[in-house]
Amino acid sequence: MNRDEFTFFHRLRVRWAEVDRQDVVFNGNYFLYFDVAIADYWRAIGFNYPDDIVQKFGTDIYAVRATADYLGSARYDEELDIGCRVGRIGRSSMNFRFGIWRGADLLTTGELVYVNADPSTRKSAPWPDSLRSAILDYERLRPELAVPA
């Protein structure tokens, strides 16, 4: 994984509460960083979650898988760049990929898989065409499409 794979980055500074007794970012906080990056990614492509997805489209997004590989450790007050991109879009699922860098050092990679679903039935629902198009227009590295656009 390298930085060139990502169009979008979110920068953050490690806060004191995110560091554990080993003086490094507690491993679970990297998933928080992924989530913060996704929220800004939605804004970057012109969507505001939850308003534009839940209220406008009538669906919601549910996490079904989360993974992380820890290659290094971040410490208090360090600045991190969280790369976030869509790696794959299916009919109702979407795979986000992440890289977290401290300067040139890749510290963590991760993946979150979300499913778009009807909140009342919790049954999967197709991604809205406008959301799919916004992602494809935004990303430099085209996501894999399980269902043709």
N, C-alpha and C. Protein backbone atom coordinates (compact mmCIF):
# COMPACT_ATOMS: atom_id res chain seq x y z
N MET A 1 0.85 -1.18 0.00
CA MET A 1 0.00 0.00 0.00
C MET A 1 0.89 1.24 0.00
N ASN A 2 0.53 2.19 -0.85
CA ASN A 2 1.27 3.45 -0.83
C ASN A 2 0.30 4.62 -0.92
N ARG A 3 0.81 5.78 -0.60
CA ARG A 3 -0.03 6.98 -0.52
C ARG A 3 -0.68 7.33 -1.85
N ASP A 4 -0.04 6.98 -2.95
CA ASP A 4 -0.57 7.32 -4.27
C ASP A 4 -1.90 6.64 -4.58
N GLU A 5 -2.26 5.62 -3.82
CA GLU A 5 -3.53 4.92 -4.03
C GLU A 5 -4.72 5.74 -3.53
N PHE A 6 -4.45 6.79 -2.75
CA PHE A 6 -5.51 7.52 -2.08
C PHE A 6 -5.70 8.91 -2.66
N THR A 7 -6.94 9.25 -2.92
CA THR A 7 -7.32 10.61 -3.31
C THR A 7 -7.59 11.43 -2.07
N PHE A 8 -8.15 10.79 -1.04
CA PHE A 8 -8.60 11.50 0.16
C PHE A 8 -7.72 11.18 1.37
N PHE A 9 -7.38 12.23 2.12
CA PHE A 9 -6.67 12.10 3.39
C PHE A 9 -7.34 12.97 4.45
N HIS A 10 -7.38 12.44 5.64
CA HIS A 10 -7.82 13.20 6.80
C HIS A 10 -6.62 13.29 7.75
N ARG A 11 -6.29 14.49 8.18
CA ARG A 11 -5.17 14.67 9.10
C ARG A 11 -5.70 14.85 10.52
N LEU A 12 -5.05 14.17 11.46
CA LEU A 12 -5.41 14.37 12.86
C LEU A 12 -4.17 14.29 13.73
N ARG A 13 -4.31 14.86 14.91
CA ARG A 13 -3.24 14.84 15.91
C ARG A 13 -3.67 13.90 17.02
N VAL A 14 -2.80 12.99 17.41
CA VAL A 14 -3.11 12.02 18.46
C VAL A 14 -3.35 12.76 19.77
N ARG A 15 -4.48 12.47 20.39
CA ARG A 15 -4.84 13.09 21.66
C ARG A 15 -4.40 12.20 22.83
N TRP A 16 -4.24 12.83 23.99
CA TRP A 16 -3.76 12.13 25.18
C TRP A 16 -4.64 10.92 25.52
N ALA A 17 -5.94 11.07 25.42
CA ALA A 17 -6.87 10.00 25.79
C ALA A 17 -6.77 8.78 24.88
N GLU A 18 -6.12 8.91 23.74
CA GLU A 18 -6.01 7.80 22.78
C GLU A 18 -4.77 6.93 23.00
N VAL A 19 -3.93 7.33 23.94
CA VAL A 19 -2.67 6.63 24.19
C VAL A 19 -2.84 5.73 25.41
N ASP A 20 -2.23 4.53 25.34
CA ASP A 20 -2.36 3.57 26.44
C ASP A 20 -1.12 3.58 27.34
N ARG A 21 -1.03 2.63 28.26
CA ARG A 21 0.09 2.56 29.21
C ARG A 21 1.44 2.33 28.53
N GLN A 22 1.41 1.83 27.31
CA GLN A 22 2.65 1.62 26.57
C GLN A 22 3.09 2.88 25.83
N ASP A 23 2.36 3.97 26.04
CA ASP A 23 2.64 5.27 25.41
C ASP A 23 2.49 5.26 23.90
N VAL A 24 1.61 4.40 23.41
CA VAL A 24 1.28 4.37 21.99
C VAL A 24 -0.24 4.40 21.86
N VAL A 25 -0.73 4.72 20.66
CA VAL A 25 -2.17 4.73 20.43
C VAL A 25 -2.72 3.33 20.68
N PHE A 26 -3.74 3.25 21.53
CA PHE A 26 -4.41 1.97 21.80
C PHE A 26 -4.98 1.44 20.50
N ASN A 27 -4.80 0.13 20.27
CA ASN A 27 -5.14 -0.46 18.97
C ASN A 27 -6.58 -0.19 18.53
N GLY A 28 -7.55 -0.21 19.43
CA GLY A 28 -8.94 0.03 19.05
C GLY A 28 -9.19 1.43 18.52
N ASN A 29 -8.34 2.38 18.89
CA ASN A 29 -8.53 3.75 18.43
C ASN A 29 -8.27 3.92 16.94
N TYR A 30 -7.56 3.00 16.33
CA TYR A 30 -7.35 3.09 14.89
C TYR A 30 -8.69 2.93 14.15
N PHE A 31 -9.61 2.15 14.72
CA PHE A 31 -10.93 2.03 14.11
C PHE A 31 -11.72 3.33 14.25
N LEU A 32 -11.50 4.05 15.34
CA LEU A 32 -12.08 5.39 15.49
C LEU A 32 -11.52 6.30 14.40
N TYR A 33 -10.23 6.23 14.16
CA TYR A 33 -9.61 7.06 13.11
C TYR A 33 -10.20 6.72 11.74
N PHE A 34 -10.42 5.43 11.47
CA PHE A 34 -11.04 5.03 10.21
C PHE A 34 -12.42 5.68 10.08
N ASP A 35 -13.19 5.63 11.16
CA ASP A 35 -14.55 6.17 11.15
C ASP A 35 -14.56 7.68 10.92
N VAL A 36 -13.65 8.38 11.56
CA VAL A 36 -13.54 9.83 11.36
C VAL A 36 -13.19 10.15 9.91
N ALA A 37 -12.30 9.35 9.32
CA ALA A 37 -11.92 9.57 7.92
C ALA A 37 -13.10 9.31 6.99
N ILE A 38 -13.89 8.29 7.27
CA ILE A 38 -15.06 8.02 6.42
C ILE A 38 -16.05 9.17 6.47
N ALA A 39 -16.28 9.73 7.65
CA ALA A 39 -17.21 10.87 7.76
C ALA A 39 -16.75 12.03 6.88
N ASP A 40 -15.45 12.32 6.87
CA ASP A 40 -14.94 13.39 6.01
C ASP A 40 -14.91 12.98 4.54
N TYR A 41 -14.73 11.71 4.27
CA TYR A 41 -14.78 11.22 2.88
C TYR A 41 -16.16 11.48 2.29
N TRP A 42 -17.23 11.16 3.06
CA TRP A 42 -18.58 11.43 2.56
C TRP A 42 -18.73 12.89 2.18
N ARG A 43 -18.23 13.78 3.06
CA ARG A 43 -18.32 15.22 2.77
C ARG A 43 -17.54 15.57 1.51
N ALA A 44 -16.36 14.98 1.35
CA ALA A 44 -15.49 15.27 0.20
C ALA A 44 -16.17 14.91 -1.12
N ILE A 45 -17.01 13.87 -1.11
CA ILE A 45 -17.68 13.49 -2.36
C ILE A 45 -19.06 14.14 -2.49
N GLY A 46 -19.40 15.02 -1.52
CA GLY A 46 -20.63 15.79 -1.63
C GLY A 46 -21.84 15.21 -0.92
N PHE A 47 -21.60 14.30 0.03
CA PHE A 47 -22.69 13.71 0.79
C PHE A 47 -22.45 13.94 2.26
N ASN A 48 -23.53 14.19 2.99
CA ASN A 48 -23.43 14.38 4.42
C ASN A 48 -24.17 13.23 5.11
N TYR A 49 -23.41 12.39 5.79
CA TYR A 49 -24.04 11.29 6.52
C TYR A 49 -24.40 11.77 7.91
N PRO A 50 -25.59 11.54 8.40
CA PRO A 50 -26.61 10.65 7.86
C PRO A 50 -27.66 11.33 6.97
N ASP A 51 -27.68 12.65 6.93
CA ASP A 51 -28.77 13.36 6.24
C ASP A 51 -28.96 12.92 4.80
N ASP A 52 -27.90 12.92 4.00
CA ASP A 52 -28.04 12.64 2.58
C ASP A 52 -28.30 11.16 2.28
N ILE A 53 -27.93 10.29 3.18
CA ILE A 53 -28.11 8.86 2.91
C ILE A 53 -29.37 8.36 3.61
N VAL A 54 -29.43 8.52 4.90
CA VAL A 54 -30.56 7.99 5.66
C VAL A 54 -31.85 8.74 5.30
N GLN A 55 -31.81 10.06 5.36
CA GLN A 55 -33.04 10.81 5.14
C GLN A 55 -33.40 10.94 3.66
N LYS A 56 -32.41 11.19 2.81
CA LYS A 56 -32.69 11.39 1.39
C LYS A 56 -32.99 10.08 0.66
N PHE A 57 -32.19 9.05 0.94
CA PHE A 57 -32.34 7.78 0.22
C PHE A 57 -33.17 6.75 0.97
N GLY A 58 -33.38 6.96 2.28
CA GLY A 58 -34.17 6.03 3.06
C GLY A 58 -33.47 4.74 3.41
N THR A 59 -32.15 4.73 3.30
CA THR A 59 -31.37 3.55 3.68
C THR A 59 -30.33 3.96 4.71
N ASP A 60 -29.68 2.97 5.31
CA ASP A 60 -28.60 3.25 6.24
C ASP A 60 -27.47 2.27 5.97
N ILE A 61 -26.33 2.56 6.54
CA ILE A 61 -25.12 1.80 6.28
C ILE A 61 -24.72 1.06 7.54
N TYR A 62 -24.51 -0.24 7.41
CA TYR A 62 -24.17 -1.10 8.54
C TYR A 62 -22.81 -1.73 8.33
N ALA A 63 -21.96 -1.65 9.34
CA ALA A 63 -20.64 -2.29 9.27
C ALA A 63 -20.81 -3.80 9.44
N VAL A 64 -20.15 -4.57 8.57
CA VAL A 64 -20.23 -6.03 8.66
C VAL A 64 -18.85 -6.67 8.82
N ARG A 65 -17.79 -5.89 8.61
CA ARG A 65 -16.44 -6.44 8.75
C ARG A 65 -15.47 -5.30 9.00
N ALA A 66 -14.53 -5.53 9.91
CA ALA A 66 -13.49 -4.53 10.21
C ALA A 66 -12.19 -5.26 10.50
N THR A 67 -11.13 -4.84 9.81
CA THR A 67 -9.81 -5.43 10.04
C THR A 67 -8.76 -4.33 10.08
N ALA A 68 -7.67 -4.62 10.75
CA ALA A 68 -6.53 -3.70 10.79
C ALA A 68 -5.25 -4.51 10.93
N ASP A 69 -4.22 -4.04 10.29
CA ASP A 69 -2.87 -4.58 10.45
C ASP A 69 -2.00 -3.47 10.99
N TYR A 70 -1.32 -3.78 12.10
CA TYR A 70 -0.51 -2.78 12.79
C TYR A 70 0.96 -3.00 12.42
N LEU A 71 1.53 -2.00 11.77
CA LEU A 71 2.90 -2.08 11.28
C LEU A 71 3.85 -1.23 12.11
N GLY A 72 3.30 -0.30 12.85
CA GLY A 72 4.08 0.62 13.68
C GLY A 72 3.15 1.27 14.68
N SER A 73 3.70 2.13 15.51
CA SER A 73 2.91 2.76 16.57
C SER A 73 2.99 4.26 16.51
N ALA A 74 1.84 4.88 16.74
CA ALA A 74 1.78 6.34 16.85
C ALA A 74 1.78 6.71 18.33
N ARG A 75 2.27 7.90 18.64
CA ARG A 75 2.37 8.38 20.01
C ARG A 75 1.62 9.70 20.17
N TYR A 76 1.44 10.07 21.41
CA TYR A 76 0.76 11.32 21.75
C TYR A 76 1.35 12.50 20.98
N ASP A 77 0.47 13.34 20.47
CA ASP A 77 0.74 14.61 19.81
C ASP A 77 1.35 14.47 18.41
N GLU A 78 1.49 13.26 17.91
CA GLU A 78 1.99 13.10 16.55
C GLU A 78 0.85 13.36 15.56
N GLU A 79 1.20 13.91 14.41
CA GLU A 79 0.22 14.13 13.35
C GLU A 79 0.19 12.91 12.45
N LEU A 80 -1.03 12.48 12.14
CA LEU A 80 -1.23 11.31 11.30
C LEU A 80 -2.08 11.69 10.09
N ASP A 81 -1.78 11.06 8.98
CA ASP A 81 -2.60 11.20 7.77
C ASP A 81 -3.31 9.88 7.55
N ILE A 82 -4.64 9.95 7.52
CA ILE A 82 -5.45 8.75 7.31
C ILE A 82 -5.97 8.79 5.88
N GLY A 83 -5.43 7.89 5.07
CA GLY A 83 -5.92 7.74 3.70
C GLY A 83 -7.16 6.86 3.71
N CYS A 84 -8.17 7.27 2.98
CA CYS A 84 -9.44 6.53 2.92
C CYS A 84 -9.88 6.48 1.48
N ARG A 85 -10.21 5.29 1.01
CA ARG A 85 -10.73 5.17 -0.35
C ARG A 85 -11.68 3.98 -0.45
N VAL A 86 -12.52 4.02 -1.45
CA VAL A 86 -13.38 2.90 -1.74
C VAL A 86 -12.61 1.97 -2.66
N GLY A 87 -12.45 0.72 -2.22
CA GLY A 87 -11.72 -0.26 -3.01
C GLY A 87 -12.63 -1.13 -3.86
N ARG A 88 -13.88 -1.26 -3.41
CA ARG A 88 -14.82 -2.13 -4.12
C ARG A 88 -16.24 -1.67 -3.83
N ILE A 89 -17.07 -1.67 -4.87
CA ILE A 89 -18.49 -1.37 -4.71
C ILE A 89 -19.27 -2.54 -5.31
N GLY A 90 -20.12 -3.13 -4.48
CA GLY A 90 -21.02 -4.16 -4.96
C GLY A 90 -22.42 -3.59 -5.11
N ARG A 91 -23.40 -4.45 -5.26
CA ARG A 91 -24.78 -4.00 -5.38
C ARG A 91 -25.20 -3.25 -4.12
N SER A 92 -24.87 -3.83 -2.96
CA SER A 92 -25.27 -3.21 -1.69
C SER A 92 -24.12 -3.11 -0.70
N SER A 93 -22.97 -3.65 -1.03
CA SER A 93 -21.83 -3.59 -0.11
C SER A 93 -20.75 -2.66 -0.66
N MET A 94 -19.93 -2.17 0.26
CA MET A 94 -18.84 -1.27 -0.12
C MET A 94 -17.66 -1.55 0.79
N ASN A 95 -16.50 -1.63 0.18
CA ASN A 95 -15.27 -1.92 0.90
C ASN A 95 -14.43 -0.64 0.94
N PHE A 96 -14.19 -0.13 2.15
CA PHE A 96 -13.30 1.01 2.34
C PHE A 96 -11.92 0.48 2.73
N ARG A 97 -10.89 1.08 2.17
CA ARG A 97 -9.51 0.73 2.52
C ARG A 97 -8.84 1.94 3.14
N PHE A 98 -7.94 1.66 4.08
CA PHE A 98 -7.30 2.73 4.84
C PHE A 98 -5.80 2.49 4.94
N GLY A 99 -5.07 3.59 4.99
CA GLY A 99 -3.67 3.59 5.35
C GLY A 99 -3.45 4.76 6.29
N ILE A 100 -2.71 4.51 7.36
CA ILE A 100 -2.41 5.59 8.31
C ILE A 100 -0.91 5.79 8.31
N TRP A 101 -0.52 7.04 8.00
CA TRP A 101 0.89 7.40 7.92
C TRP A 101 1.26 8.44 8.96
N ARG A 102 2.47 8.31 9.46
CA ARG A 102 3.13 9.37 10.24
C ARG A 102 4.29 9.78 9.34
N GLY A 103 4.12 10.92 8.68
CA GLY A 103 5.11 11.31 7.69
C GLY A 103 5.15 10.27 6.58
N ALA A 104 6.33 9.73 6.31
CA ALA A 104 6.48 8.72 5.26
C ALA A 104 6.27 7.29 5.78
N ASP A 105 6.11 7.13 7.10
CA ASP A 105 6.00 5.81 7.70
C ASP A 105 4.55 5.32 7.72
N LEU A 106 4.30 4.19 7.05
CA LEU A 106 3.00 3.56 7.09
C LEU A 106 2.87 2.80 8.41
N LEU A 107 1.91 3.20 9.24
CA LEU A 107 1.74 2.61 10.56
C LEU A 107 0.67 1.53 10.63
N THR A 108 -0.41 1.74 9.90
CA THR A 108 -1.56 0.85 10.00
C THR A 108 -2.28 0.80 8.67
N THR A 109 -2.76 -0.38 8.32
CA THR A 109 -3.66 -0.53 7.18
C THR A 109 -4.95 -1.14 7.70
N GLY A 110 -6.03 -0.89 6.99
CA GLY A 110 -7.29 -1.43 7.45
C GLY A 110 -8.32 -1.51 6.36
N GLU A 111 -9.41 -2.15 6.73
CA GLU A 111 -10.50 -2.35 5.80
C GLU A 111 -11.81 -2.39 6.59
N LEU A 112 -12.80 -1.70 6.09
CA LEU A 112 -14.15 -1.77 6.65
C LEU A 112 -15.10 -2.10 5.51
N VAL A 113 -16.00 -3.03 5.76
CA VAL A 113 -17.01 -3.38 4.77
C VAL A 113 -18.36 -2.96 5.35
N TYR A 114 -19.10 -2.22 4.54
CA TYR A 114 -20.42 -1.74 4.92
C TYR A 114 -21.46 -2.31 3.95
N VAL A 115 -22.65 -2.50 4.48
CA VAL A 115 -23.78 -2.91 3.65
C VAL A 115 -24.85 -1.83 3.76
N ASN A 116 -25.38 -1.42 2.63
CA ASN A 116 -26.48 -0.48 2.57
C ASN A 116 -27.77 -1.28 2.74
N ALA A 117 -28.65 -0.83 3.64
CA ALA A 117 -29.85 -1.60 3.91
C ALA A 117 -31.02 -0.70 4.29
N ASP A 118 -32.20 -1.26 4.15
CA ASP A 118 -33.42 -0.61 4.61
C ASP A 118 -33.44 -0.70 6.14
N PRO A 119 -33.47 0.43 6.85
CA PRO A 119 -33.41 0.39 8.31
C PRO A 119 -34.57 -0.36 8.97
N SER A 120 -35.74 -0.36 8.35
CA SER A 120 -36.88 -1.02 8.98
C SER A 120 -36.83 -2.54 8.85
N THR A 121 -36.30 -3.04 7.74
CA THR A 121 -36.25 -4.49 7.53
C THR A 121 -34.85 -5.06 7.73
N ARG A 122 -33.84 -4.18 7.70
CA ARG A 122 -32.42 -4.58 7.77
C ARG A 122 -32.03 -5.49 6.60
N LYS A 123 -32.77 -5.41 5.51
CA LYS A 123 -32.43 -6.16 4.30
C LYS A 123 -31.63 -5.26 3.38
N SER A 124 -30.66 -5.85 2.70
CA SER A 124 -29.77 -5.07 1.85
C SER A 124 -30.56 -4.34 0.77
N ALA A 125 -30.01 -3.19 0.39
CA ALA A 125 -30.61 -2.34 -0.64
C ALA A 125 -29.49 -1.83 -1.54
N PRO A 126 -29.76 -1.66 -2.82
CA PRO A 126 -28.71 -1.19 -3.72
C PRO A 126 -28.25 0.23 -3.37
N TRP A 127 -26.99 0.50 -3.65
CA TRP A 127 -26.48 1.85 -3.46
C TRP A 127 -27.18 2.78 -4.44
N PRO A 128 -27.53 3.98 -4.01
CA PRO A 128 -28.11 4.95 -4.94
C PRO A 128 -27.12 5.28 -6.06
N ASP A 129 -27.65 5.42 -7.27
CA ASP A 129 -26.78 5.71 -8.42
C ASP A 129 -25.97 6.98 -8.22
N SER A 130 -26.57 8.01 -7.61
CA SER A 130 -25.85 9.27 -7.43
C SER A 130 -24.65 9.10 -6.48
N LEU A 131 -24.79 8.24 -5.47
CA LEU A 131 -23.68 7.98 -4.55
C LEU A 131 -22.58 7.20 -5.25
N ARG A 132 -22.96 6.17 -5.97
CA ARG A 132 -22.00 5.37 -6.74
C ARG A 132 -21.25 6.25 -7.74
N SER A 133 -21.96 7.10 -8.46
CA SER A 133 -21.34 7.99 -9.45
C SER A 133 -20.38 8.97 -8.79
N ALA A 134 -20.77 9.52 -7.64
CA ALA A 134 -19.90 10.47 -6.94
C ALA A 134 -18.58 9.82 -6.55
N ILE A 135 -18.64 8.58 -6.09
CA ILE A 135 -17.42 7.85 -5.72
C ILE A 135 -16.55 7.61 -6.94
N LEU A 136 -17.15 7.13 -8.01
CA LEU A 136 -16.38 6.83 -9.23
C LEU A 136 -15.77 8.09 -9.83
N ASP A 137 -16.47 9.20 -9.74
CA ASP A 137 -15.94 10.47 -10.24
C ASP A 137 -14.81 11.00 -9.38
N TYR A 138 -14.84 10.71 -8.08
CA TYR A 138 -13.88 11.26 -7.14
C TYR A 138 -12.57 10.49 -7.09
N GLU A 139 -12.65 9.18 -7.09
CA GLU A 139 -11.46 8.35 -6.88
C GLU A 139 -10.52 8.38 -8.07
N ARG A 140 -9.23 8.56 -7.78
CA ARG A 140 -8.18 8.46 -8.80
C ARG A 140 -7.99 7.02 -9.25
N LEU A 141 -7.95 6.11 -8.28
CA LEU A 141 -7.79 4.69 -8.52
C LEU A 141 -9.19 4.09 -8.51
N ARG A 142 -9.66 3.70 -9.68
CA ARG A 142 -11.06 3.25 -9.82
C ARG A 142 -11.34 2.03 -8.93
N PRO A 143 -12.41 2.10 -8.14
CA PRO A 143 -12.80 0.94 -7.33
C PRO A 143 -13.21 -0.24 -8.21
N GLU A 144 -13.02 -1.43 -7.68
CA GLU A 144 -13.52 -2.63 -8.35
C GLU A 144 -15.04 -2.58 -8.28
N LEU A 145 -15.68 -2.91 -9.37
CA LEU A 145 -17.14 -2.89 -9.41
C LEU A 145 -17.65 -4.32 -9.52
N ALA A 146 -18.37 -4.77 -8.51
CA ALA A 146 -18.95 -6.10 -8.54
C ALA A 146 -20.19 -6.10 -9.43
N VAL A 147 -20.83 -4.95 -9.56
CA VAL A 147 -21.98 -4.77 -10.42
C VAL A 147 -21.64 -3.60 -11.34
N PRO A 148 -21.71 -3.78 -12.65
CA PRO A 148 -21.34 -2.68 -13.56
C PRO A 148 -22.12 -1.40 -13.27
N ALA A 149 -21.44 -0.27 -13.43
CA ALA A 149 -22.08 1.03 -13.21
C ALA A 149 -22.98 1.40 -14.35
